[in-house]
Amino acid sequence: MNALNAQFARRTRLIAGMLLSTALAATTFGESHAGMLTASKAAKANVVASHAIAAKNAIAIKDFAFQPATLTVAAGSKVVWTNRDEEPHLVVSAGGQFPASPALDTDDSYAAVLSKPGIYTYFCSIHPHMVGKIVVK
């Protein structure tokens, strides 16, 4: 999870720099371009917000384990699994509560929306010792 936090922090700093550049450009190019630049700034702010949500509901598949092993989310949340291993993995709900992922190669992601409160257990069907749990409130 630390790698995901570090990646999110780098992206946040990059976007913050882009926003600062946009603000400086607005003062340089004058008010005739400011509306266009403000729209761009708003779009970038939405990207930052969506990355924050994604990072919060993200599960990394790394070192043949789901990280974190247990995740708690609100009902209706989208959870994203990303394979950080060199080997393929499949995410399968133990109770059939969400569709199984396709084979995930390195850096591939899979997402599922978990609508109902409860405990969702899952595993990798290629490596059944890999298990995880999501608590949906």
Protein backbone atom coordinates (compact mmCIF):
# COMPACT_ATOMS: atom_id res chain seq x y z
CA MET A 1 0.00 0.00 0.00
CA ASN A 2 2.97 2.30 0.61
CA ALA A 3 3.85 2.09 -3.09
CA LEU A 4 0.29 3.15 -3.99
CA ASN A 5 0.46 6.04 -1.52
CA ALA A 6 3.83 7.13 -2.93
CA GLN A 7 2.49 6.92 -6.49
CA PHE A 8 -0.59 8.93 -5.50
CA ALA A 9 1.60 11.55 -3.78
CA ARG A 10 3.77 11.89 -6.91
CA ARG A 11 0.71 12.29 -9.12
CA THR A 12 -0.80 14.82 -6.72
CA ARG A 13 2.42 16.91 -6.76
CA LEU A 14 2.51 16.69 -10.56
CA ILE A 15 -1.09 17.84 -10.89
CA ALA A 16 -0.55 20.60 -8.31
CA GLY A 17 2.38 21.82 -10.42
CA MET A 18 0.21 21.72 -13.52
CA LEU A 19 -2.48 23.73 -11.73
CA LEU A 20 0.09 26.31 -10.65
CA SER A 21 1.32 26.55 -14.25
CA THR A 22 -2.27 27.01 -15.40
CA ALA A 23 -2.81 29.82 -12.89
CA LEU A 24 0.40 31.55 -13.99
CA ALA A 25 -0.62 31.15 -17.63
CA ALA A 26 -3.99 32.76 -16.88
CA THR A 27 -2.29 35.86 -15.52
CA THR A 28 0.15 35.92 -18.44
CA PHE A 29 -2.37 35.44 -21.25
CA GLY A 30 -4.97 37.79 -19.82
CA GLU A 31 -8.61 37.43 -19.04
CA SER A 32 -9.67 36.42 -22.59
CA HIS A 33 -8.08 33.00 -22.03
CA ALA A 34 -8.90 32.69 -18.33
CA GLY A 35 -12.24 30.92 -18.90
CA MET A 36 -10.58 28.20 -20.95
CA LEU A 37 -7.83 27.80 -18.36
CA THR A 38 -10.36 27.68 -15.49
CA ALA A 39 -12.19 24.82 -17.20
CA SER A 40 -8.88 22.98 -17.56
CA LYS A 41 -8.12 23.63 -13.87
CA ALA A 42 -11.53 22.21 -12.86
CA ALA A 43 -10.95 19.09 -14.98
CA LYS A 44 -7.57 18.51 -13.32
CA ALA A 45 -9.14 18.93 -9.86
CA ASN A 46 -11.65 16.20 -10.76
CA VAL A 47 -8.75 13.93 -11.74
CA VAL A 48 -7.14 14.49 -8.34
CA ALA A 49 -10.44 13.68 -6.59
CA SER A 50 -10.98 10.52 -8.64
CA HIS A 51 -7.41 9.35 -7.90
CA ALA A 52 -8.04 9.90 -4.18
CA ILE A 53 -11.16 7.74 -4.33
CA ALA A 54 -9.42 5.09 -6.43
CA ALA A 55 -6.43 4.97 -4.08
CA LYS A 56 -8.76 4.60 -1.11
CA ASN A 57 -10.57 1.63 -2.70
CA ALA A 58 -7.52 0.05 -4.32
CA ILE A 59 -6.11 -3.41 -3.76
CA ALA A 60 -2.64 -4.21 -5.04
CA ILE A 61 -1.74 -7.76 -6.00
CA LYS A 62 1.89 -7.91 -4.98
CA ASP A 63 4.25 -10.64 -3.79
CA PHE A 64 1.48 -13.20 -4.28
CA ALA A 65 -0.81 -11.44 -1.80
CA PHE A 66 -3.71 -8.98 -1.84
CA GLN A 67 -2.67 -5.72 -0.19
CA PRO A 68 -4.46 -4.80 1.98
CA ALA A 69 -5.75 -8.25 2.91
CA THR A 70 -8.91 -6.63 4.34
CA LEU A 71 -10.49 -3.47 2.95
CA THR A 72 -13.56 -1.62 4.29
CA VAL A 73 -15.66 0.44 1.85
CA ALA A 74 -19.10 2.04 1.68
CA ALA A 75 -21.92 0.27 -0.16
CA GLY A 76 -21.89 1.22 -3.83
CA SER A 77 -18.12 1.67 -3.94
CA LYS A 78 -15.98 0.62 -6.87
CA VAL A 79 -13.01 -1.47 -5.78
CA VAL A 80 -10.01 -1.75 -8.12
CA TRP A 81 -7.48 -4.60 -8.04
CA THR A 82 -4.16 -4.01 -9.85
CA ASN A 83 -1.63 -6.77 -10.50
CA ARG A 84 1.88 -5.64 -9.51
CA ASP A 85 3.38 -9.13 -9.83
CA GLU A 86 5.14 -10.54 -12.88
CA GLU A 87 2.77 -13.53 -12.82
CA PRO A 88 -0.89 -13.45 -13.94
CA HIS A 89 -3.67 -13.54 -11.34
CA LEU A 90 -7.48 -13.88 -11.37
CA VAL A 91 -9.77 -12.29 -8.78
CA VAL A 92 -12.73 -14.55 -7.96
CA SER A 93 -15.49 -13.94 -5.43
CA ALA A 94 -15.74 -16.93 -3.07
CA GLY A 95 -19.53 -16.46 -2.85
CA GLY A 96 -20.15 -15.34 -6.44
CA GLN A 97 -20.94 -11.82 -5.18
CA PHE A 98 -19.21 -10.17 -8.13
CA PRO A 99 -18.05 -11.40 -11.55
CA ALA A 100 -14.61 -12.99 -11.79
CA SER A 101 -11.86 -10.94 -13.37
CA PRO A 102 -10.15 -11.96 -16.57
CA ALA A 103 -6.50 -13.02 -16.23
CA LEU A 104 -4.62 -9.95 -15.02
CA ASP A 105 -1.11 -9.55 -16.38
CA THR A 106 1.42 -7.16 -14.85
CA ASP A 107 -0.14 -3.69 -14.31
CA ASP A 108 -3.60 -4.84 -15.49
CA SER A 109 -6.54 -3.73 -13.35
CA TYR A 110 -10.00 -5.08 -12.65
CA ALA A 111 -12.88 -3.25 -10.95
CA ALA A 112 -16.13 -4.32 -9.33
CA VAL A 113 -18.89 -2.24 -7.76
CA LEU A 114 -19.96 -3.68 -4.42
CA SER A 115 -23.53 -2.55 -3.86
CA LYS A 116 -24.77 -4.53 -0.89
CA PRO A 117 -23.45 -4.38 2.68
CA GLY A 118 -21.72 -7.54 3.84
CA ILE A 119 -18.44 -9.38 3.75
CA TYR A 120 -17.03 -10.20 0.34
CA THR A 121 -14.32 -12.85 0.38
CA TYR A 122 -12.26 -13.47 -2.72
CA PHE A 123 -9.19 -15.37 -3.92
CA CYS A 124 -6.91 -15.88 -6.90
CA SER A 125 -8.11 -18.96 -8.75
CA ILE A 126 -4.60 -19.57 -10.12
CA HIS A 127 -3.01 -19.29 -6.67
CA PRO A 128 -5.77 -20.31 -4.19
CA HIS A 129 -3.60 -19.51 -1.16
CA MET A 130 -4.06 -15.84 -2.08
CA VAL A 131 -7.18 -14.66 -0.24
CA GLY A 132 -8.71 -11.30 0.65
CA LYS A 133 -11.77 -9.79 2.25
CA ILE A 134 -13.79 -6.65 1.67
CA VAL A 135 -16.18 -5.36 4.33
CA VAL A 136 -18.98 -3.34 2.73
CA LYS A 137 -20.90 -1.06 5.11
